[in-house]
Amino acid sequence: MQILSSIGVLVLSYLVGAIPMGYISVKLSTGKDIRNIQSGRTGGTNAMRAAGLWVGIITSFADIAKGVAGVWMAQRLVPGNVWIEILAPVAAVIGHNYSIYSIRKDEDGHIQISGGAGGAPSVGGAIGLWYPIIFILVPVGVLILFGIGYASVATMSLPLIAALIFAYRTTMGIGSSSWYHVLYCIIVELLILWSLRPNIKRLINGTERLVGWRARRANDRNTPDQDSS
């Protein structure tokens, strides 16, 4: 019975994580298919590009809730199982990145499965494991996103920051944090790095997309002065 409950939690966490909140929010607000816009991902950053800041924010918090939900289901349906407690939000991240609801065929008839990069639900998993971390990760994520200007850097940074926080708390014997929580952060970081392989290449080449005020500054520099034409 315990095994069936554990499998059920993981499957349900995947299905919840797979809900394409960016696709839904952009479709409702603009009628567009986010999968055909810029990166094609269904996360908050691409939702912001497709439909504006508030749609991006709503999408991001909805995606964070997926990770929280994974931990919440594990704690209540299989209480005391630390492995399921960390694997449930991992399943939510996998669902977010590879959504069963977003399977479609491309123009050549090949099967495609789309999703996000995993940043928001991975943060949600960390929040589920220790909720006060939200007051660190969310503002730090915003600072990295709009300060540095690269969504991919913010996405890759947050699980590492969470891992350091959990490692410190575990070493100091503070609260309920454990090395399992650090392991969770490492697993989701690897999933994010795999998903962001194209972005990492663009970062190395200096061609990665900018967001926020840095993107606007770049556009202003690249826009010819109409008075001089």
C-alpha atoms as a PDB file:
ATOM      1  CA  MET A   1       0.000   0.000   0.000  1.00  0.00           C
ATOM      2  CA  GLN A   2       2.851   2.374   0.846  1.00  0.00           C
ATOM      3  CA  ILE A   3       4.482   1.656  -2.521  1.00  0.00           C
ATOM      4  CA  LEU A   4       1.237   2.301  -4.418  1.00  0.00           C
ATOM      5  CA  SER A   5       0.680   5.539  -2.498  1.00  0.00           C
ATOM      6  CA  SER A   6       4.243   6.672  -3.277  1.00  0.00           C
ATOM      7  CA  ILE A   7       3.860   5.902  -6.986  1.00  0.00           C
ATOM      8  CA  GLY A   8       0.501   7.670  -7.002  1.00  0.00           C
ATOM      9  CA  VAL A   9       2.016  10.795  -5.444  1.00  0.00           C
ATOM     10  CA  LEU A  10       4.812  10.876  -8.028  1.00  0.00           C
ATOM     11  CA  VAL A  11       2.397  10.413 -10.941  1.00  0.00           C
ATOM     12  CA  LEU A  12       0.012  13.037  -9.593  1.00  0.00           C
ATOM     13  CA  SER A  13       2.900  15.450  -8.986  1.00  0.00           C
ATOM     14  CA  TYR A  14       4.011  14.991 -12.596  1.00  0.00           C
ATOM     15  CA  LEU A  15       0.479  15.608 -13.904  1.00  0.00           C
ATOM     16  CA  VAL A  16       0.102  18.753 -11.790  1.00  0.00           C
ATOM     17  CA  GLY A  17       3.548  19.970 -12.828  1.00  0.00           C
ATOM     18  CA  ALA A  18       2.700  19.327 -16.471  1.00  0.00           C
ATOM     19  CA  ILE A  19      -0.208  21.797 -16.496  1.00  0.00           C
ATOM     20  CA  PRO A  20       1.069  24.446 -18.969  1.00  0.00           C
ATOM     21  CA  MET A  21       0.185  27.574 -17.026  1.00  0.00           C
ATOM     22  CA  GLY A  22       2.034  29.833 -19.461  1.00  0.00           C
ATOM     23  CA  TYR A  23       0.097  28.412 -22.404  1.00  0.00           C
ATOM     24  CA  ILE A  24      -3.195  28.841 -20.556  1.00  0.00           C
ATOM     25  CA  SER A  25      -2.521  32.381 -19.297  1.00  0.00           C
ATOM     26  CA  VAL A  26      -1.222  33.675 -22.640  1.00  0.00           C
ATOM     27  CA  LYS A  27      -4.046  31.997 -24.559  1.00  0.00           C
ATOM     28  CA  LEU A  28      -6.659  33.530 -22.284  1.00  0.00           C
ATOM     29  CA  SER A  29      -5.121  37.009 -22.357  1.00  0.00           C
ATOM     30  CA  THR A  30      -4.046  37.315 -25.993  1.00  0.00           C
ATOM     31  CA  GLY A  31      -5.310  34.281 -27.895  1.00  0.00           C
ATOM     32  CA  LYS A  32      -1.728  33.448 -28.903  1.00  0.00           C
ATOM     33  CA  ASP A  33       0.015  30.097 -28.640  1.00  0.00           C
ATOM     34  CA  ILE A  34       3.065  30.711 -26.433  1.00  0.00           C
ATOM     35  CA  ARG A  35       4.763  27.673 -27.974  1.00  0.00           C
ATOM     36  CA  ASN A  36       5.122  29.652 -31.211  1.00  0.00           C
ATOM     37  CA  ILE A  37       6.655  32.727 -29.541  1.00  0.00           C
ATOM     38  CA  GLN A  38      10.420  33.258 -29.091  1.00  0.00           C
ATOM     39  CA  SER A  39      11.832  30.387 -26.990  1.00  0.00           C
ATOM     40  CA  GLY A  40       8.565  28.436 -27.244  1.00  0.00           C
ATOM     41  CA  ARG A  41       8.711  27.594 -23.544  1.00  0.00           C
ATOM     42  CA  THR A  42       5.623  27.824 -21.361  1.00  0.00           C
ATOM     43  CA  GLY A  43       7.281  29.391 -18.296  1.00  0.00           C
ATOM     44  CA  GLY A  44       6.896  32.830 -16.802  1.00  0.00           C
ATOM     45  CA  THR A  45       9.669  34.566 -18.738  1.00  0.00           C
ATOM     46  CA  ASN A  46       8.297  33.619 -22.140  1.00  0.00           C
ATOM     47  CA  ALA A  47       4.772  34.405 -20.927  1.00  0.00           C
ATOM     48  CA  MET A  48       6.046  37.886 -20.046  1.00  0.00           C
ATOM     49  CA  ARG A  49       7.500  38.257 -23.540  1.00  0.00           C
ATOM     50  CA  ALA A  50       4.256  37.047 -25.101  1.00  0.00           C
ATOM     51  CA  ALA A  51       1.657  38.879 -23.024  1.00  0.00           C
ATOM     52  CA  GLY A  52       3.324  41.361 -20.683  1.00  0.00           C
ATOM     53  CA  LEU A  53       4.697  41.623 -17.169  1.00  0.00           C
ATOM     54  CA  TRP A  54       1.577  40.733 -15.180  1.00  0.00           C
ATOM     55  CA  VAL A  55       0.846  37.613 -17.189  1.00  0.00           C
ATOM     56  CA  GLY A  56       4.462  36.587 -16.652  1.00  0.00           C
ATOM     57  CA  ILE A  57       4.163  37.154 -12.888  1.00  0.00           C
ATOM     58  CA  ILE A  58       0.888  35.219 -12.648  1.00  0.00           C
ATOM     59  CA  THR A  59       2.397  32.357 -14.641  1.00  0.00           C
ATOM     60  CA  SER A  60       5.516  32.279 -12.467  1.00  0.00           C
ATOM     61  CA  PHE A  61       3.569  32.079  -9.204  1.00  0.00           C
ATOM     62  CA  ALA A  62       1.255  29.426 -10.642  1.00  0.00           C
ATOM     63  CA  ASP A  63       4.313  27.404 -11.645  1.00  0.00           C
ATOM     64  CA  ILE A  64       5.843  27.871  -8.179  1.00  0.00           C
ATOM     65  CA  ALA A  65       2.622  26.434  -6.756  1.00  0.00           C
ATOM     66  CA  LYS A  66       3.240  23.203  -8.692  1.00  0.00           C
ATOM     67  CA  GLY A  67       6.395  22.469  -6.722  1.00  0.00           C
ATOM     68  CA  VAL A  68       4.725  23.381  -3.438  1.00  0.00           C
ATOM     69  CA  ALA A  69       1.835  21.058  -4.320  1.00  0.00           C
ATOM     70  CA  GLY A  70       4.234  18.165  -4.923  1.00  0.00           C
ATOM     71  CA  VAL A  71       5.722  18.467  -1.431  1.00  0.00           C
ATOM     72  CA  TRP A  72       2.301  19.021   0.132  1.00  0.00           C
ATOM     73  CA  MET A  73       0.875  15.843  -1.439  1.00  0.00           C
ATOM     74  CA  ALA A  74       3.891  13.796  -0.361  1.00  0.00           C
ATOM     75  CA  GLN A  75       3.722  15.022   3.228  1.00  0.00           C
ATOM     76  CA  ARG A  76       0.040  14.228   3.550  1.00  0.00           C
ATOM     77  CA  LEU A  77      -0.337  11.047   1.502  1.00  0.00           C
ATOM     78  CA  VAL A  78       2.943   9.347   2.461  1.00  0.00           C
ATOM     79  CA  PRO A  79       3.988  11.155   5.668  1.00  0.00           C
ATOM     80  CA  GLY A  80       7.487  10.508   6.938  1.00  0.00           C
ATOM     81  CA  ASN A  81       8.849   9.278   3.588  1.00  0.00           C
ATOM     82  CA  VAL A  82      11.692  11.736   2.974  1.00  0.00           C
ATOM     83  CA  TRP A  83      12.496  10.280  -0.439  1.00  0.00           C
ATOM     84  CA  ILE A  84       8.996  10.860  -1.788  1.00  0.00           C
ATOM     85  CA  GLU A  85       9.008  14.291  -0.144  1.00  0.00           C
ATOM     86  CA  ILE A  86      11.907  15.360  -2.374  1.00  0.00           C
ATOM     87  CA  LEU A  87      11.047  13.249  -5.441  1.00  0.00           C
ATOM     88  CA  ALA A  88       7.481  14.579  -5.686  1.00  0.00           C
ATOM     89  CA  PRO A  89       8.604  18.161  -6.480  1.00  0.00           C
ATOM     90  CA  VAL A  90      11.239  16.679  -8.812  1.00  0.00           C
ATOM     91  CA  ALA A  91       8.384  14.956 -10.646  1.00  0.00           C
ATOM     92  CA  ALA A  92       6.582  18.319 -10.815  1.00  0.00           C
ATOM     93  CA  VAL A  93       9.666  19.895 -12.395  1.00  0.00           C
ATOM     94  CA  ILE A  94       9.887  17.061 -14.943  1.00  0.00           C
ATOM     95  CA  GLY A  95       6.201  17.527 -15.746  1.00  0.00           C
ATOM     96  CA  HIS A  96       6.723  21.265 -16.158  1.00  0.00           C
ATOM     97  CA  ASN A  97       9.658  20.727 -18.523  1.00  0.00           C
ATOM     98  CA  TYR A  98       8.125  17.836 -20.476  1.00  0.00           C
ATOM     99  CA  SER A  99       4.370  18.290 -20.347  1.00  0.00           C
ATOM    100  CA  ILE A 100       2.174  15.437 -21.486  1.00  0.00           C
ATOM    101  CA  TYR A 101      -0.473  18.055 -22.228  1.00  0.00           C
ATOM    102  CA  SER A 102       1.774  19.814 -24.750  1.00  0.00           C
ATOM    103  CA  ILE A 103       2.568  16.914 -27.073  1.00  0.00           C
ATOM    104  CA  ARG A 104       2.097  17.849 -30.717  1.00  0.00           C
ATOM    105  CA  LYS A 105       3.508  17.174 -34.173  1.00  0.00           C
ATOM    106  CA  ASP A 106       5.785  19.627 -35.978  1.00  0.00           C
ATOM    107  CA  GLU A 107       5.599  20.445 -39.681  1.00  0.00           C
ATOM    108  CA  ASP A 108       7.641  17.341 -40.514  1.00  0.00           C
ATOM    109  CA  GLY A 109       5.352  15.083 -38.523  1.00  0.00           C
ATOM    110  CA  HIS A 110       7.801  14.599 -35.649  1.00  0.00           C
ATOM    111  CA  ILE A 111       6.437  14.353 -32.120  1.00  0.00           C
ATOM    112  CA  GLN A 112       7.348  17.330 -29.925  1.00  0.00           C
ATOM    113  CA  ILE A 113       6.874  17.689 -26.183  1.00  0.00           C
ATOM    114  CA  SER A 114       7.290  21.193 -24.831  1.00  0.00           C
ATOM    115  CA  GLY A 115       7.313  22.897 -21.461  1.00  0.00           C
ATOM    116  CA  GLY A 116       9.356  25.308 -19.388  1.00  0.00           C
ATOM    117  CA  ALA A 117      12.879  25.240 -18.007  1.00  0.00           C
ATOM    118  CA  GLY A 118      11.954  24.203 -14.468  1.00  0.00           C
ATOM    119  CA  GLY A 119      12.989  27.304 -12.515  1.00  0.00           C
ATOM    120  CA  ALA A 120       9.659  28.265 -10.920  1.00  0.00           C
ATOM    121  CA  PRO A 121       8.510  24.769  -9.859  1.00  0.00           C
ATOM    122  CA  SER A 122      11.993  24.029  -8.492  1.00  0.00           C
ATOM    123  CA  VAL A 123      11.666  27.128  -6.304  1.00  0.00           C
ATOM    124  CA  GLY A 124       8.208  25.903  -5.326  1.00  0.00           C
ATOM    125  CA  GLY A 125       9.669  22.593  -4.192  1.00  0.00           C
ATOM    126  CA  ALA A 126      12.191  24.402  -1.985  1.00  0.00           C
ATOM    127  CA  ILE A 127       9.381  26.522  -0.526  1.00  0.00           C
ATOM    128  CA  GLY A 128       7.379  23.386   0.200  1.00  0.00           C
ATOM    129  CA  LEU A 129      10.335  21.909   2.078  1.00  0.00           C
ATOM    130  CA  TRP A 130      10.892  25.111   4.103  1.00  0.00           C
ATOM    131  CA  TYR A 131       8.422  27.903   3.399  1.00  0.00           C
ATOM    132  CA  PRO A 132      10.451  30.906   4.755  1.00  0.00           C
ATOM    133  CA  ILE A 133      12.916  30.398   1.882  1.00  0.00           C
ATOM    134  CA  ILE A 134      10.376  32.213  -0.312  1.00  0.00           C
ATOM    135  CA  PHE A 135      11.472  35.477   1.301  1.00  0.00           C
ATOM    136  CA  ILE A 136      15.010  34.842   0.037  1.00  0.00           C
ATOM    137  CA  LEU A 137      14.583  33.128  -3.314  1.00  0.00           C
ATOM    138  CA  VAL A 138      11.848  35.310  -4.826  1.00  0.00           C
ATOM    139  CA  PRO A 139      13.521  38.716  -4.264  1.00  0.00           C
ATOM    140  CA  VAL A 140      16.950  37.320  -5.168  1.00  0.00           C
ATOM    141  CA  GLY A 141      15.481  35.812  -8.331  1.00  0.00           C
ATOM    142  CA  VAL A 142      13.911  39.147  -9.293  1.00  0.00           C
ATOM    143  CA  LEU A 143      17.219  40.962  -8.672  1.00  0.00           C
ATOM    144  CA  ILE A 144      19.154  38.499 -10.815  1.00  0.00           C
ATOM    145  CA  LEU A 145      16.524  38.490 -13.555  1.00  0.00           C
ATOM    146  CA  PHE A 146      16.178  42.242 -13.950  1.00  0.00           C
ATOM    147  CA  GLY A 147      19.645  43.204 -12.698  1.00  0.00           C
ATOM    148  CA  ILE A 148      21.754  40.886 -14.834  1.00  0.00           C
ATOM    149  CA  GLY A 149      19.061  40.645 -17.494  1.00  0.00           C
ATOM    150  CA  TYR A 150      19.279  36.937 -18.254  1.00  0.00           C
ATOM    151  CA  ALA A 151      16.365  34.703 -17.258  1.00  0.00           C
ATOM    152  CA  SER A 152      18.505  31.613 -17.784  1.00  0.00           C
ATOM    153  CA  VAL A 153      21.079  32.831 -15.230  1.00  0.00           C
ATOM    154  CA  ALA A 154      18.340  33.453 -12.666  1.00  0.00           C
ATOM    155  CA  THR A 155      16.841  30.023 -13.338  1.00  0.00           C
ATOM    156  CA  MET A 156      20.167  28.248 -12.916  1.00  0.00           C
ATOM    157  CA  SER A 157      21.151  30.246  -9.835  1.00  0.00           C
ATOM    158  CA  LEU A 158      18.129  29.716  -7.586  1.00  0.00           C
ATOM    159  CA  PRO A 159      18.491  25.960  -6.875  1.00  0.00           C
ATOM    160  CA  LEU A 160      22.164  26.548  -6.052  1.00  0.00           C
ATOM    161  CA  ILE A 161      21.240  29.339  -3.628  1.00  0.00           C
ATOM    162  CA  ALA A 162      18.585  27.096  -2.080  1.00  0.00           C
ATOM    163  CA  ALA A 163      21.143  24.278  -1.746  1.00  0.00           C
ATOM    164  CA  LEU A 164      23.519  26.591   0.130  1.00  0.00           C
ATOM    165  CA  ILE A 165      20.733  27.696   2.462  1.00  0.00           C
ATOM    166  CA  PHE A 166      19.664  24.116   3.193  1.00  0.00           C
ATOM    167  CA  ALA A 167      23.292  23.012   3.628  1.00  0.00           C
ATOM    168  CA  TYR A 168      23.893  25.805   6.143  1.00  0.00           C
ATOM    169  CA  ARG A 169      20.721  25.006   8.082  1.00  0.00           C
ATOM    170  CA  THR A 170      21.549  21.300   8.102  1.00  0.00           C
ATOM    171  CA  THR A 171      25.137  21.843   9.232  1.00  0.00           C
ATOM    172  CA  MET A 172      24.003  24.170  12.007  1.00  0.00           C
ATOM    173  CA  GLY A 173      21.178  21.847  13.052  1.00  0.00           C
ATOM    174  CA  ILE A 174      18.552  24.515  12.402  1.00  0.00           C
ATOM    175  CA  GLY A 175      14.930  23.452  12.006  1.00  0.00           C
ATOM    176  CA  SER A 176      13.887  20.502   9.873  1.00  0.00           C
ATOM    177  CA  SER A 177      16.328  20.958   6.992  1.00  0.00           C
ATOM    178  CA  SER A 178      18.312  17.867   6.032  1.00  0.00           C
ATOM    179  CA  TRP A 179      20.783  16.698   3.434  1.00  0.00           C
ATOM    180  CA  TYR A 180      17.805  15.282   1.532  1.00  0.00           C
ATOM    181  CA  HIS A 181      16.776  18.878   0.859  1.00  0.00           C
ATOM    182  CA  VAL A 182      20.230  19.670  -0.487  1.00  0.00           C
ATOM    183  CA  LEU A 183      19.999  16.585  -2.705  1.00  0.00           C
ATOM    184  CA  TYR A 184      16.655  17.851  -4.029  1.00  0.00           C
ATOM    185  CA  CYS A 185      18.290  21.124  -5.062  1.00  0.00           C
ATOM    186  CA  ILE A 186      21.117  19.291  -6.832  1.00  0.00           C
ATOM    187  CA  ILE A 187      18.693  17.075  -8.775  1.00  0.00           C
ATOM    188  CA  VAL A 188      16.537  19.964  -9.984  1.00  0.00           C
ATOM    189  CA  GLU A 189      19.657  21.981 -10.847  1.00  0.00           C
ATOM    190  CA  LEU A 190      20.778  19.148 -13.141  1.00  0.00           C
ATOM    191  CA  LEU A 191      17.330  19.037 -14.753  1.00  0.00           C
ATOM    192  CA  ILE A 192      17.450  22.787 -15.327  1.00  0.00           C
ATOM    193  CA  LEU A 193      20.955  22.667 -16.804  1.00  0.00           C
ATOM    194  CA  TRP A 194      19.832  19.946 -19.209  1.00  0.00           C
ATOM    195  CA  SER A 195      16.796  21.959 -20.245  1.00  0.00           C
ATOM    196  CA  LEU A 196      18.825  25.157 -20.695  1.00  0.00           C
ATOM    197  CA  ARG A 197      21.562  23.686 -22.900  1.00  0.00           C
ATOM    198  CA  PRO A 198      20.726  26.061 -25.808  1.00  0.00           C
ATOM    199  CA  ASN A 199      20.708  29.041 -23.433  1.00  0.00           C
ATOM    200  CA  ILE A 200      24.079  28.088 -21.990  1.00  0.00           C
ATOM    201  CA  LYS A 201      25.527  27.988 -25.501  1.00  0.00           C
ATOM    202  CA  ARG A 202      24.091  31.442 -26.212  1.00  0.00           C
ATOM    203  CA  LEU A 203      25.495  32.769 -22.923  1.00  0.00           C
ATOM    204  CA  ILE A 204      28.939  31.529 -23.947  1.00  0.00           C
ATOM    205  CA  ASN A 205      28.529  33.046 -27.425  1.00  0.00           C
ATOM    206  CA  GLY A 206      27.155  36.323 -26.069  1.00  0.00           C
ATOM    207  CA  THR A 207      23.845  35.951 -27.938  1.00  0.00           C
ATOM    208  CA  GLU A 208      21.493  35.110 -25.067  1.00  0.00           C
ATOM    209  CA  ARG A 209      18.180  36.997 -24.916  1.00  0.00           C
ATOM    210  CA  LEU A 210      17.951  39.886 -22.482  1.00  0.00           C
ATOM    211  CA  VAL A 211      14.885  40.752 -20.402  1.00  0.00           C
ATOM    212  CA  GLY A 212      13.763  43.780 -18.420  1.00  0.00           C
ATOM    213  CA  TRP A 213      15.433  47.197 -18.604  1.00  0.00           C
ATOM    214  CA  ARG A 214      18.587  45.737 -20.129  1.00  0.00           C
ATOM    215  CA  ALA A 215      16.539  44.407 -23.045  1.00  0.00           C
ATOM    216  CA  ARG A 216      14.957  47.828 -23.517  1.00  0.00           C
ATOM    217  CA  ARG A 217      18.379  49.499 -23.446  1.00  0.00           C
ATOM    218  CA  ALA A 218      19.672  47.056 -26.028  1.00  0.00           C
ATOM    219  CA  ASN A 219      16.654  47.718 -28.242  1.00  0.00           C
ATOM    220  CA  ASP A 220      17.148  51.482 -27.897  1.00  0.00           C
ATOM    221  CA  ARG A 221      20.783  51.165 -28.944  1.00  0.00           C
ATOM    222  CA  ASN A 222      19.837  49.055 -31.942  1.00  0.00           C
ATOM    223  CA  THR A 223      16.973  51.331 -33.037  1.00  0.00           C
ATOM    224  CA  PRO A 224      18.101  53.971 -35.564  1.00  0.00           C
ATOM    225  CA  ASP A 225      17.378  57.589 -34.728  1.00  0.00           C
ATOM    226  CA  GLN A 226      14.401  58.417 -36.959  1.00  0.00           C
ATOM    227  CA  ASP A 227      15.366  62.114 -37.064  1.00  0.00           C
ATOM    228  CA  SER A 228      18.606  61.247 -38.805  1.00  0.00           C
ATOM    229  CA  SER A 229      17.027  59.263 -41.624  1.00  0.00           C
END
